[in-house]
Amino acid sequence: MRERHVLIEVKNLTAEYESGTVFLSGKAVPVAGQSRAGAEVIGCRVYHCWYKLSEPPCEGCPIEFAGYKQIKKNVVEGENFVCHFGIDGKKGIHLFEVRLLGQKGAMGPPSNRVKIIIKE
């Protein structure tokens, strides 16, 4: 069976944290050489991992995401990607990466990785 792909990806992902809520935003753009035509986005998959403040991952080292949160709602409006969700607010370094979801299990390529540091 052919693997299905969403022809839109999230670029320039940014993250902010406030009172237990993570706010992710970026640009939803066609994958290189593709068009937006027929690329229906039904949500996103947000990958997340956590590190202690005293044990940060090295820059450029591979990261293993412990799990993901699947969000099935409108996260793309025109060329804008916006998503927010709650996390436990655990003190440390939180890393996130996003993939857009389409119909029948289709997924877009991974976004850039973003980091939030929670100190209190």
PDB file of N, CA and C in Angstrom:
ATOM      1  N   MET A   1       0.842  -1.189   0.000  1.00  0.00           N
ATOM      2  CA  MET A   1       0.000   0.000   0.000  1.00  0.00           C
ATOM      3  C   MET A   1       0.882   1.245   0.000  1.00  0.00           C
ATOM      4  N   ARG A   2       0.509   2.218  -0.797  1.00  0.00           N
ATOM      5  CA  ARG A   2       1.260   3.467  -0.864  1.00  0.00           C
ATOM      6  C   ARG A   2       1.062   4.292   0.388  1.00  0.00           C
ATOM      7  N   GLU A   3       2.147   4.875   0.879  1.00  0.00           N
ATOM      8  CA  GLU A   3       2.051   5.759   2.032  1.00  0.00           C
ATOM      9  C   GLU A   3       1.404   7.062   1.583  1.00  0.00           C
ATOM     10  N   ARG A   4       0.485   7.557   2.384  1.00  0.00           N
ATOM     11  CA  ARG A   4      -0.218   8.790   2.032  1.00  0.00           C
ATOM     12  C   ARG A   4       0.447   9.971   2.726  1.00  0.00           C
ATOM     13  N   HIS A   5       0.535  11.082   1.996  1.00  0.00           N
ATOM     14  CA  HIS A   5       1.168  12.280   2.527  1.00  0.00           C
ATOM     15  C   HIS A   5       0.252  13.480   2.364  1.00  0.00           C
ATOM     16  N   VAL A   6       0.326  14.386   3.317  1.00  0.00           N
ATOM     17  CA  VAL A   6      -0.327  15.681   3.185  1.00  0.00           C
ATOM     18  C   VAL A   6       0.670  16.552   2.440  1.00  0.00           C
ATOM     19  N   LEU A   7       0.213  17.300   1.467  1.00  0.00           N
ATOM     20  CA  LEU A   7       1.098  18.086   0.631  1.00  0.00           C
ATOM     21  C   LEU A   7       1.395  19.472   1.199  1.00  0.00           C
ATOM     22  N   ILE A   8       1.090  19.658   2.478  1.00  0.00           N
ATOM     23  CA  ILE A   8       1.354  20.929   3.160  1.00  0.00           C
ATOM     24  C   ILE A   8       2.193  20.625   4.395  1.00  0.00           C
ATOM     25  N   GLU A   9       3.166  21.488   4.668  1.00  0.00           N
ATOM     26  CA  GLU A   9       4.002  21.314   5.851  1.00  0.00           C
ATOM     27  C   GLU A   9       4.058  22.601   6.661  1.00  0.00           C
ATOM     28  N   VAL A  10       4.449  22.470   7.913  1.00  0.00           N
ATOM     29  CA  VAL A  10       4.584  23.636   8.791  1.00  0.00           C
ATOM     30  C   VAL A  10       6.042  24.081   8.776  1.00  0.00           C
ATOM     31  N   LYS A  11       6.249  25.333   8.423  1.00  0.00           N
ATOM     32  CA  LYS A  11       7.578  25.953   8.411  1.00  0.00           C
ATOM     33  C   LYS A  11       7.620  27.056   9.473  1.00  0.00           C
ATOM     34  N   ASN A  12       8.811  27.376   9.912  1.00  0.00           N
ATOM     35  CA  ASN A  12       9.019  28.467  10.870  1.00  0.00           C
ATOM     36  C   ASN A  12       8.161  28.314  12.124  1.00  0.00           C
ATOM     37  N   LEU A  13       8.072  27.096  12.643  1.00  0.00           N
ATOM     38  CA  LEU A  13       7.296  26.834  13.849  1.00  0.00           C
ATOM     39  C   LEU A  13       7.885  27.605  15.019  1.00  0.00           C
ATOM     40  N   THR A  14       7.016  28.228  15.814  1.00  0.00           N
ATOM     41  CA  THR A  14       7.407  28.911  17.042  1.00  0.00           C
ATOM     42  C   THR A  14       6.518  28.408  18.172  1.00  0.00           C
ATOM     43  N   ALA A  15       6.994  28.568  19.404  1.00  0.00           N
ATOM     44  CA  ALA A  15       6.236  28.099  20.563  1.00  0.00           C
ATOM     45  C   ALA A  15       6.301  29.129  21.677  1.00  0.00           C
ATOM     46  N   GLU A  16       5.179  29.262  22.372  1.00  0.00           N
ATOM     47  CA  GLU A  16       5.093  30.100  23.566  1.00  0.00           C
ATOM     48  C   GLU A  16       4.354  29.309  24.627  1.00  0.00           C
ATOM     49  N   TYR A  17       4.617  29.628  25.882  1.00  0.00           N
ATOM     50  CA  TYR A  17       3.985  28.936  27.002  1.00  0.00           C
ATOM     51  C   TYR A  17       3.426  29.970  27.965  1.00  0.00           C
ATOM     52  N   GLU A  18       2.168  29.734  28.394  1.00  0.00           N
ATOM     53  CA  GLU A  18       1.552  30.624  29.373  1.00  0.00           C
ATOM     54  C   GLU A  18       0.522  29.849  30.186  1.00  0.00           C
ATOM     55  N   SER A  19       0.700  29.833  31.482  1.00  0.00           N
ATOM     56  CA  SER A  19      -0.267  29.254  32.427  1.00  0.00           C
ATOM     57  C   SER A  19      -0.748  27.856  32.036  1.00  0.00           C
ATOM     58  N   GLY A  20       0.173  26.956  31.728  1.00  0.00           N
ATOM     59  CA  GLY A  20      -0.198  25.581  31.418  1.00  0.00           C
ATOM     60  C   GLY A  20      -0.614  25.324  29.987  1.00  0.00           C
ATOM     61  N   THR A  21      -0.543  26.340  29.130  1.00  0.00           N
ATOM     62  CA  THR A  21      -0.944  26.184  27.732  1.00  0.00           C
ATOM     63  C   THR A  21       0.224  26.490  26.807  1.00  0.00           C
ATOM     64  N   VAL A  22       0.426  25.609  25.830  1.00  0.00           N
ATOM     65  CA  VAL A  22       1.433  25.818  24.786  1.00  0.00           C
ATOM     66  C   VAL A  22       0.721  26.365  23.557  1.00  0.00           C
ATOM     67  N   PHE A  23       1.288  27.406  22.982  1.00  0.00           N
ATOM     68  CA  PHE A  23       0.769  28.018  21.765  1.00  0.00           C
ATOM     69  C   PHE A  23       1.810  27.821  20.662  1.00  0.00           C
ATOM     70  N   LEU A  24       1.452  27.053  19.641  1.00  0.00           N
ATOM     71  CA  LEU A  24       2.339  26.818  18.505  1.00  0.00           C
ATOM     72  C   LEU A  24       1.805  27.577  17.301  1.00  0.00           C
ATOM     73  N   SER A  25       2.702  28.163  16.523  1.00  0.00           N
ATOM     74  CA  SER A  25       2.272  28.841  15.301  1.00  0.00           C
ATOM     75  C   SER A  25       3.387  28.758  14.264  1.00  0.00           C
ATOM     76  N   GLY A  26       3.012  28.928  13.017  1.00  0.00           N
ATOM     77  CA  GLY A  26       3.964  28.871  11.920  1.00  0.00           C
ATOM     78  C   GLY A  26       3.251  29.101  10.608  1.00  0.00           C
ATOM     79  N   LYS A  27       3.923  28.802   9.543  1.00  0.00           N
ATOM     80  CA  LYS A  27       3.369  28.953   8.195  1.00  0.00           C
ATOM     81  C   LYS A  27       3.064  27.584   7.609  1.00  0.00           C
ATOM     82  N   ALA A  28       1.870  27.427   7.054  1.00  0.00           N
ATOM     83  CA  ALA A  28       1.459  26.190   6.377  1.00  0.00           C
ATOM     84  C   ALA A  28       1.693  26.405   4.886  1.00  0.00           C
ATOM     85  N   VAL A  29       2.713  25.732   4.367  1.00  0.00           N
ATOM     86  CA  VAL A  29       3.102  25.956   2.978  1.00  0.00           C
ATOM     87  C   VAL A  29       3.138  24.624   2.222  1.00  0.00           C
ATOM     88  N   PRO A  30       2.938  24.664   0.906  1.00  0.00           N
ATOM     89  CA  PRO A  30       3.016  23.426   0.120  1.00  0.00           C
ATOM     90  C   PRO A  30       4.418  22.820   0.210  1.00  0.00           C
ATOM     91  N   VAL A  31       4.469  21.495   0.245  1.00  0.00           N
ATOM     92  CA  VAL A  31       5.741  20.787   0.188  1.00  0.00           C
ATOM     93  C   VAL A  31       6.391  21.150  -1.147  1.00  0.00           C
ATOM     94  N   ALA A  32       7.702  21.285  -1.179  1.00  0.00           N
ATOM     95  CA  ALA A  32       8.432  21.708  -2.381  1.00  0.00           C
ATOM     96  C   ALA A  32       7.936  20.986  -3.628  1.00  0.00           C
ATOM     97  N   GLY A  33       7.584  21.769  -4.627  1.00  0.00           N
ATOM     98  CA  GLY A  33       7.155  21.213  -5.909  1.00  0.00           C
ATOM     99  C   GLY A  33       5.701  20.778  -5.954  1.00  0.00           C
ATOM    100  N   GLN A  34       4.952  20.988  -4.887  1.00  0.00           N
ATOM    101  CA  GLN A  34       3.548  20.564  -4.833  1.00  0.00           C
ATOM    102  C   GLN A  34       2.625  21.788  -4.842  1.00  0.00           C
ATOM    103  N   SER A  35       1.330  21.523  -4.987  1.00  0.00           N
ATOM    104  CA  SER A  35       0.340  22.599  -4.910  1.00  0.00           C
ATOM    105  C   SER A  35      -0.558  22.324  -3.708  1.00  0.00           C
ATOM    106  N   ARG A  36      -1.291  23.322  -3.272  1.00  0.00           N
ATOM    107  CA  ARG A  36      -2.214  23.164  -2.143  1.00  0.00           C
ATOM    108  C   ARG A  36      -3.479  22.429  -2.560  1.00  0.00           C
ATOM    109  N   ALA A  37      -3.717  22.302  -3.845  1.00  0.00           N
ATOM    110  CA  ALA A  37      -4.958  21.713  -4.352  1.00  0.00           C
ATOM    111  C   ALA A  37      -5.172  20.313  -3.776  1.00  0.00           C
ATOM    112  N   GLY A  38      -6.315  20.093  -3.186  1.00  0.00           N
ATOM    113  CA  GLY A  38      -6.687  18.786  -2.666  1.00  0.00           C
ATOM    114  C   GLY A  38      -6.005  18.390  -1.370  1.00  0.00           C
ATOM    115  N   ALA A  39      -5.257  19.289  -0.765  1.00  0.00           N
ATOM    116  CA  ALA A  39      -4.534  18.973   0.466  1.00  0.00           C
ATOM    117  C   ALA A  39      -5.385  19.369   1.676  1.00  0.00           C
ATOM    118  N   GLU A  40      -6.339  18.526   2.010  1.00  0.00           N
ATOM    119  CA  GLU A  40      -7.233  18.817   3.127  1.00  0.00           C
ATOM    120  C   GLU A  40      -6.572  18.449   4.452  1.00  0.00           C
ATOM    121  N   VAL A  41      -6.436  19.435   5.337  1.00  0.00           N
ATOM    122  CA  VAL A  41      -5.828  19.227   6.650  1.00  0.00           C
ATOM    123  C   VAL A  41      -6.946  19.082   7.671  1.00  0.00           C
ATOM    124  N   ILE A  42      -6.905  17.984   8.448  1.00  0.00           N
ATOM    125  CA  ILE A  42      -7.958  17.745   9.448  1.00  0.00           C
ATOM    126  C   ILE A  42      -7.440  17.906  10.874  1.00  0.00           C
ATOM    127  N   GLY A  43      -6.171  18.273  11.020  1.00  0.00           N
ATOM    128  CA  GLY A  43      -5.594  18.465  12.343  1.00  0.00           C
ATOM    129  C   GLY A  43      -4.086  18.323  12.292  1.00  0.00           C
ATOM    130  N   CYS A  44      -3.508  17.998  13.444  1.00  0.00           N
ATOM    131  CA  CYS A  44      -2.062  17.838  13.501  1.00  0.00           C
ATOM    132  C   CYS A  44      -1.681  16.838  14.583  1.00  0.00           C
ATOM    133  N   ARG A  45      -0.466  16.374  14.484  1.00  0.00           N
ATOM    134  CA  ARG A  45       0.127  15.517  15.500  1.00  0.00           C
ATOM    135  C   ARG A  45       1.291  16.305  16.088  1.00  0.00           C
ATOM    136  N   VAL A  46       1.252  16.537  17.398  1.00  0.00           N
ATOM    137  CA  VAL A  46       2.298  17.290  18.085  1.00  0.00           C
ATOM    138  C   VAL A  46       3.157  16.314  18.877  1.00  0.00           C
ATOM    139  N   TYR A  47       4.416  16.208  18.494  1.00  0.00           N
ATOM    140  CA  TYR A  47       5.364  15.349  19.205  1.00  0.00           C
ATOM    141  C   TYR A  47       6.004  16.165  20.325  1.00  0.00           C
ATOM    142  N   HIS A  48       6.228  15.528  21.477  1.00  0.00           N
ATOM    143  CA  HIS A  48       6.708  16.246  22.662  1.00  0.00           C
ATOM    144  C   HIS A  48       7.692  15.377  23.427  1.00  0.00           C
ATOM    145  N   CYS A  49       8.741  15.990  23.937  1.00  0.00           N
ATOM    146  CA  CYS A  49       9.626  15.309  24.886  1.00  0.00           C
ATOM    147  C   CYS A  49      10.092  16.326  25.918  1.00  0.00           C
ATOM    148  N   TRP A  50      10.584  15.830  27.028  1.00  0.00           N
ATOM    149  CA  TRP A  50      10.958  16.668  28.161  1.00  0.00           C
ATOM    150  C   TRP A  50      12.335  16.266  28.678  1.00  0.00           C
ATOM    151  N   TYR A  51      13.115  17.271  29.095  1.00  0.00           N
ATOM    152  CA  TYR A  51      14.422  17.056  29.713  1.00  0.00           C
ATOM    153  C   TYR A  51      14.508  17.900  30.980  1.00  0.00           C
ATOM    154  N   LYS A  52      15.272  17.412  31.956  1.00  0.00           N
ATOM    155  CA  LYS A  52      15.549  18.197  33.154  1.00  0.00           C
ATOM    156  C   LYS A  52      16.370  19.416  32.756  1.00  0.00           C
ATOM    157  N   LEU A  53      16.191  20.515  33.500  1.00  0.00           N
ATOM    158  CA  LEU A  53      16.979  21.717  33.237  1.00  0.00           C
ATOM    159  C   LEU A  53      18.472  21.429  33.370  1.00  0.00           C
ATOM    160  N   SER A  54      18.820  20.540  34.295  1.00  0.00           N
ATOM    161  CA  SER A  54      20.229  20.210  34.541  1.00  0.00           C
ATOM    162  C   SER A  54      20.810  19.218  33.537  1.00  0.00           C
ATOM    163  N   GLU A  55      19.958  18.643  32.674  1.00  0.00           N
ATOM    164  CA  GLU A  55      20.418  17.652  31.692  1.00  0.00           C
ATOM    165  C   GLU A  55      19.860  17.938  30.298  1.00  0.00           C
ATOM    166  N   PRO A  56      20.187  19.112  29.743  1.00  0.00           N
ATOM    167  CA  PRO A  56      19.639  19.440  28.415  1.00  0.00           C
ATOM    168  C   PRO A  56      20.253  18.560  27.329  1.00  0.00           C
ATOM    169  N   PRO A  57      19.512  18.343  26.245  1.00  0.00           N
ATOM    170  CA  PRO A  57      20.089  17.579  25.121  1.00  0.00           C
ATOM    171  C   PRO A  57      21.136  18.447  24.427  1.00  0.00           C
ATOM    172  N   CYS A  58      22.123  17.826  23.836  1.00  0.00           N
ATOM    173  CA  CYS A  58      23.133  18.611  23.125  1.00  0.00           C
ATOM    174  C   CYS A  58      22.517  19.147  21.825  1.00  0.00           C
ATOM    175  N   GLU A  59      22.985  20.308  21.407  1.00  0.00           N
ATOM    176  CA  GLU A  59      22.499  20.903  20.164  1.00  0.00           C
ATOM    177  C   GLU A  59      22.864  19.984  19.001  1.00  0.00           C
ATOM    178  N   GLY A  60      21.907  19.697  18.162  1.00  0.00           N
ATOM    179  CA  GLY A  60      22.145  18.870  16.987  1.00  0.00           C
ATOM    180  C   GLY A  60      22.064  17.370  17.247  1.00  0.00           C
ATOM    181  N   CYS A  61      21.935  16.966  18.513  1.00  0.00           N
ATOM    182  CA  CYS A  61      21.812  15.539  18.817  1.00  0.00           C
ATOM    183  C   CYS A  61      20.430  15.043  18.408  1.00  0.00           C
ATOM    184  N   PRO A  62      20.333  13.790  18.017  1.00  0.00           N
ATOM    185  CA  PRO A  62      19.005  13.234  17.696  1.00  0.00           C
ATOM    186  C   PRO A  62      18.125  13.248  18.952  1.00  0.00           C
ATOM    187  N   ILE A  63      16.851  13.490  18.743  1.00  0.00           N
ATOM    188  CA  ILE A  63      15.880  13.543  19.840  1.00  0.00           C
ATOM    189  C   ILE A  63      14.867  12.427  19.627  1.00  0.00           C
ATOM    190  N   GLU A  64      14.589  11.677  20.684  1.00  0.00           N
ATOM    191  CA  GLU A  64      13.523  10.677  20.629  1.00  0.00           C
ATOM    192  C   GLU A  64      12.301  11.254  21.343  1.00  0.00           C
ATOM    193  N   PHE A  65      11.249  11.461  20.577  1.00  0.00           N
ATOM    194  CA  PHE A  65      10.028  11.981  21.165  1.00  0.00           C
ATOM    195  C   PHE A  65       9.294  10.836  21.852  1.00  0.00           C
ATOM    196  N   ALA A  66       8.951  11.055  23.130  1.00  0.00           N
ATOM    197  CA  ALA A  66       8.330  10.012  23.947  1.00  0.00           C
ATOM    198  C   ALA A  66       6.896   9.717  23.512  1.00  0.00           C
ATOM    199  N   GLY A  67       6.236  10.680  22.958  1.00  0.00           N
ATOM    200  CA  GLY A  67       4.852  10.478  22.562  1.00  0.00           C
ATOM    201  C   GLY A  67       4.353  11.655  21.759  1.00  0.00           C
ATOM    202  N   TYR A  68       3.077  11.604  21.464  1.00  0.00           N
ATOM    203  CA  TYR A  68       2.482  12.691  20.699  1.00  0.00           C
ATOM    204  C   TYR A  68       1.040  12.893  21.128  1.00  0.00           C
ATOM    205  N   LYS A  69       0.554  14.063  20.793  1.00  0.00           N
ATOM    206  CA  LYS A  69      -0.836  14.435  21.030  1.00  0.00           C
ATOM    207  C   LYS A  69      -1.454  14.660  19.661  1.00  0.00           C
ATOM    208  N   GLN A  70      -2.541  13.967  19.383  1.00  0.00           N
ATOM    209  CA  GLN A  70      -3.222  14.138  18.104  1.00  0.00           C
ATOM    210  C   GLN A  70      -4.360  15.128  18.304  1.00  0.00           C
ATOM    211  N   ILE A  71      -4.338  16.183  17.517  1.00  0.00           N
ATOM    212  CA  ILE A  71      -5.341  17.249  17.636  1.00  0.00           C
ATOM    213  C   ILE A  71      -6.134  17.282  16.347  1.00  0.00           C
ATOM    214  N   LYS A  72      -7.413  16.939  16.447  1.00  0.00           N
ATOM    215  CA  LYS A  72      -8.275  16.927  15.254  1.00  0.00           C
ATOM    216  C   LYS A  72      -9.215  18.119  15.323  1.00  0.00           C
ATOM    217  N   LYS A  73      -8.732  19.222  14.794  1.00  0.00           N
ATOM    218  CA  LYS A  73      -9.517  20.441  14.666  1.00  0.00           C
ATOM    219  C   LYS A  73      -8.839  21.315  13.628  1.00  0.00           C
ATOM    220  N   ASN A  74      -9.464  22.393  13.262  1.00  0.00           N
ATOM    221  CA  ASN A  74      -8.918  23.285  12.251  1.00  0.00           C
ATOM    222  C   ASN A  74      -7.683  23.991  12.802  1.00  0.00           C
ATOM    223  N   VAL A  75      -6.515  23.646  12.261  1.00  0.00           N
ATOM    224  CA  VAL A  75      -5.267  24.260  12.707  1.00  0.00           C
ATOM    225  C   VAL A  75      -4.605  25.084  11.598  1.00  0.00           C
ATOM    226  N   VAL A  76      -5.188  25.042  10.391  1.00  0.00           N
ATOM    227  CA  VAL A  76      -4.651  25.800   9.260  1.00  0.00           C
ATOM    228  C   VAL A  76      -5.723  26.748   8.746  1.00  0.00           C
ATOM    229  N   GLU A  77      -5.356  28.018   8.697  1.00  0.00           N
ATOM    230  CA  GLU A  77      -6.243  29.057   8.160  1.00  0.00           C
ATOM    231  C   GLU A  77      -5.442  29.814   7.111  1.00  0.00           C
ATOM    232  N   GLY A  78      -5.760  29.581   5.837  1.00  0.00           N
ATOM    233  CA  GLY A  78      -4.966  30.193   4.763  1.00  0.00           C
ATOM    234  C   GLY A  78      -3.549  29.647   4.809  1.00  0.00           C
ATOM    235  N   GLU A  79      -2.581  30.530   5.031  1.00  0.00           N
ATOM    236  CA  GLU A  79      -1.182  30.107   5.139  1.00  0.00           C
ATOM    237  C   GLU A  79      -0.703  30.039   6.588  1.00  0.00           C
ATOM    238  N   ASN A  80      -1.598  30.190   7.540  1.00  0.00           N
ATOM    239  CA  ASN A  80      -1.202  30.212   8.941  1.00  0.00           C
ATOM    240  C   ASN A  80      -1.542  28.911   9.654  1.00  0.00           C
ATOM    241  N   PHE A  81      -0.583  28.421  10.425  1.00  0.00           N
ATOM    242  CA  PHE A  81      -0.785  27.269  11.307  1.00  0.00           C
ATOM    243  C   PHE A  81      -0.853  27.805  12.731  1.00  0.00           C
ATOM    244  N   VAL A  82      -1.909  27.442  13.462  1.00  0.00           N
ATOM    245  CA  VAL A  82      -2.064  27.852  14.858  1.00  0.00           C
ATOM    246  C   VAL A  82      -2.672  26.693  15.632  1.00  0.00           C
ATOM    247  N   CYS A  83      -2.063  26.377  16.764  1.00  0.00           N
ATOM    248  CA  CYS A  83      -2.537  25.272  17.590  1.00  0.00           C
ATOM    249  C   CYS A  83      -2.199  25.571  19.049  1.00  0.00           C
ATOM    250  N   HIS A  84      -3.107  25.268  19.950  1.00  0.00           N
ATOM    251  CA  HIS A  84      -2.797  25.405  21.370  1.00  0.00           C
ATOM    252  C   HIS A  84      -3.376  24.221  22.133  1.00  0.00           C
ATOM    253  N   PHE A  85      -2.715  23.872  23.230  1.00  0.00           N
ATOM    254  CA  PHE A  85      -3.112  22.715  24.033  1.00  0.00           C
ATOM    255  C   PHE A  85      -2.446  22.834  25.399  1.00  0.00           C
ATOM    256  N   GLY A  86      -2.990  22.129  26.361  1.00  0.00           N
ATOM    257  CA  GLY A  86      -2.455  22.160  27.708  1.00  0.00           C
ATOM    258  C   GLY A  86      -1.370  21.115  27.918  1.00  0.00           C
ATOM    259  N   ILE A  87      -0.406  21.448  28.781  1.00  0.00           N
ATOM    260  CA  ILE A  87       0.593  20.477  29.235  1.00  0.00           C
ATOM    261  C   ILE A  87       0.691  20.596  30.750  1.00  0.00           C
ATOM    262  N   ASP A  88       1.400  19.654  31.365  1.00  0.00           N
ATOM    263  CA  ASP A  88       1.481  19.631  32.822  1.00  0.00           C
ATOM    264  C   ASP A  88       2.287  20.779  33.418  1.00  0.00           C
ATOM    265  N   GLY A  89       3.035  21.511  32.645  1.00  0.00           N
ATOM    266  CA  GLY A  89       3.803  22.648  33.144  1.00  0.00           C
ATOM    267  C   GLY A  89       5.013  22.236  33.964  1.00  0.00           C
ATOM    268  N   LYS A  90       5.440  21.009  33.787  1.00  0.00           N
ATOM    269  CA  LYS A  90       6.583  20.462  34.520  1.00  0.00           C
ATOM    270  C   LYS A  90       7.844  21.291  34.227  1.00  0.00           C
ATOM    271  N   LYS A  91       8.555  21.657  35.302  1.00  0.00           N
ATOM    272  CA  LYS A  91       9.771  22.429  35.158  1.00  0.00           C
ATOM    273  C   LYS A  91      10.777  21.653  34.316  1.00  0.00           C
ATOM    274  N   GLY A  92      11.378  22.326  33.326  1.00  0.00           N
ATOM    275  CA  GLY A  92      12.360  21.678  32.476  1.00  0.00           C
ATOM    276  C   GLY A  92      12.333  22.209  31.056  1.00  0.00           C
ATOM    277  N   ILE A  93      12.916  21.422  30.169  1.00  0.00           N
ATOM    278  CA  ILE A  93      13.013  21.788  28.757  1.00  0.00           C
ATOM    279  C   ILE A  93      12.029  20.916  27.979  1.00  0.00           C
ATOM    280  N   HIS A  94      11.095  21.549  27.299  1.00  0.00           N
ATOM    281  CA  HIS A  94      10.082  20.856  26.509  1.00  0.00           C
ATOM    282  C   HIS A  94      10.370  21.113  25.033  1.00  0.00           C
ATOM    283  N   LEU A  95      10.465  20.042  24.250  1.00  0.00           N
ATOM    284  CA  LEU A  95      10.697  20.145  22.813  1.00  0.00           C
ATOM    285  C   LEU A  95       9.458  19.665  22.066  1.00  0.00           C
ATOM    286  N   PHE A  96       9.143  20.344  20.964  1.00  0.00           N
ATOM    287  CA  PHE A  96       7.957  20.027  20.174  1.00  0.00           C
ATOM    288  C   PHE A  96       8.296  19.996  18.691  1.00  0.00           C
ATOM    289  N   GLU A  97       7.561  19.165  17.964  1.00  0.00           N
ATOM    290  CA  GLU A  97       7.637  19.072  16.514  1.00  0.00           C
ATOM    291  C   GLU A  97       6.217  18.751  16.037  1.00  0.00           C
ATOM    292  N   VAL A  98       5.838  19.220  14.867  1.00  0.00           N
ATOM    293  CA  VAL A  98       4.467  19.080  14.375  1.00  0.00           C
ATOM    294  C   VAL A  98       4.445  18.431  12.999  1.00  0.00           C
ATOM    295  N   ARG A  99       3.426  17.604  12.763  1.00  0.00           N
ATOM    296  CA  ARG A  99       3.123  17.071  11.428  1.00  0.00           C
ATOM    297  C   ARG A  99       1.631  17.266  11.186  1.00  0.00           C
ATOM    298  N   LEU A 100       1.278  17.808  10.038  1.00  0.00           N
ATOM    299  CA  LEU A 100      -0.139  18.001   9.701  1.00  0.00           C
ATOM    300  C   LEU A 100      -0.770  16.661   9.351  1.00  0.00           C
ATOM    301  N   LEU A 101      -2.060  16.534   9.653  1.00  0.00           N
ATOM    302  CA  LEU A 101      -2.812  15.312   9.370  1.00  0.00           C
ATOM    303  C   LEU A 101      -3.826  15.568   8.262  1.00  0.00           C
ATOM    304  N   GLY A 102      -3.990  14.554   7.414  1.00  0.00           N
ATOM    305  CA  GLY A 102      -4.994  14.607   6.361  1.00  0.00           C
ATOM    306  C   GLY A 102      -5.934  13.420   6.488  1.00  0.00           C
ATOM    307  N   GLN A 103      -6.757  13.234   5.496  1.00  0.00           N
ATOM    308  CA  GLN A 103      -7.707  12.127   5.463  1.00  0.00           C
ATOM    309  C   GLN A 103      -6.990  10.780   5.362  1.00  0.00           C
ATOM    310  N   LYS A 104      -7.606   9.740   5.884  1.00  0.00           N
ATOM    311  CA  LYS A 104      -7.148   8.351   5.750  1.00  0.00           C
ATOM    312  C   LYS A 104      -5.712   8.127   6.211  1.00  0.00           C
ATOM    313  N   GLY A 105      -5.326   8.787   7.300  1.00  0.00           N
ATOM    314  CA  GLY A 105      -4.014   8.558   7.881  1.00  0.00           C
ATOM    315  C   GLY A 105      -2.858   9.290   7.225  1.00  0.00           C
ATOM    316  N   ALA A 106      -3.134  10.170   6.286  1.00  0.00           N
ATOM    317  CA  ALA A 106      -2.063  10.918   5.622  1.00  0.00           C
ATOM    318  C   ALA A 106      -1.405  11.882   6.607  1.00  0.00           C
ATOM    319  N   MET A 107      -0.077  12.033   6.492  1.00  0.00           N
ATOM    320  CA  MET A 107       0.655  12.976   7.341  1.00  0.00           C
ATOM    321  C   MET A 107       1.641  13.766   6.504  1.00  0.00           C
ATOM    322  N   GLY A 108       1.832  15.005   6.903  1.00  0.00           N
ATOM    323  CA  GLY A 108       2.825  15.851   6.265  1.00  0.00           C
ATOM    324  C   GLY A 108       4.193  15.606   6.880  1.00  0.00           C
ATOM    325  N   PRO A 109       5.228  16.210   6.289  1.00  0.00           N
ATOM    326  CA  PRO A 109       6.577  16.051   6.836  1.00  0.00           C
ATOM    327  C   PRO A 109       6.708  16.777   8.179  1.00  0.00           C
ATOM    328  N   PRO A 110       7.716  16.411   8.977  1.00  0.00           N
ATOM    329  CA  PRO A 110       7.896  17.062  10.270  1.00  0.00           C
ATOM    330  C   PRO A 110       8.323  18.519  10.121  1.00  0.00           C
ATOM    331  N   SER A 111       7.868  19.332  11.058  1.00  0.00           N
ATOM    332  CA  SER A 111       8.265  20.737  11.108  1.00  0.00           C
ATOM    333  C   SER A 111       9.654  20.848  11.725  1.00  0.00           C
ATOM    334  N   ASN A 112      10.125  22.062  11.837  1.00  0.00           N
ATOM    335  CA  ASN A 112      11.327  22.303  12.627  1.00  0.00           C
ATOM    336  C   ASN A 112      10.981  22.056  14.098  1.00  0.00           C
ATOM    337  N   ARG A 113      11.980  21.839  14.898  1.00  0.00           N
ATOM    338  CA  ARG A 113      11.807  21.571  16.328  1.00  0.00           C
ATOM    339  C   ARG A 113      11.856  22.895  17.092  1.00  0.00           C
ATOM    340  N   VAL A 114      10.965  23.037  18.093  1.00  0.00           N
ATOM    341  CA  VAL A 114      10.970  24.234  18.929  1.00  0.00           C
ATOM    342  C   VAL A 114      11.107  23.830  20.394  1.00  0.00           C
ATOM    343  N   LYS A 115      11.568  24.787  21.193  1.00  0.00           N
ATOM    344  CA  LYS A 115      11.862  24.525  22.594  1.00  0.00           C
ATOM    345  C   LYS A 115      11.184  25.552  23.485  1.00  0.00           C
ATOM    346  N   ILE A 116      10.649  25.069  24.616  1.00  0.00           N
ATOM    347  CA  ILE A 116      10.135  25.941  25.671  1.00  0.00           C
ATOM    348  C   ILE A 116      10.855  25.545  26.951  1.00  0.00           C
ATOM    349  N   ILE A 117      11.331  26.531  27.695  1.00  0.00           N
ATOM    350  CA  ILE A 117      11.976  26.275  28.972  1.00  0.00           C
ATOM    351  C   ILE A 117      11.066  26.790  30.075  1.00  0.00           C
ATOM    352  N   ILE A 118      10.684  25.891  30.980  1.00  0.00           N
ATOM    353  CA  ILE A 118       9.835  26.260  32.125  1.00  0.00           C
ATOM    354  C   ILE A 118      10.715  26.188  33.364  1.00  0.00           C
ATOM    355  N   LYS A 119      10.892  27.321  34.016  1.00  0.00           N
ATOM    356  CA  LYS A 119      11.793  27.386  35.165  1.00  0.00           C
ATOM    357  C   LYS A 119      11.070  27.373  36.495  1.00  0.00           C
ATOM    358  N   GLU A 120       9.802  27.684  36.512  1.00  0.00           N
ATOM    359  CA  GLU A 120       9.055  27.724  37.782  1.00  0.00           C
ATOM    360  C   GLU A 120       7.833  26.871  37.714  1.00  0.00           C
TER     361      GLU A 120
END
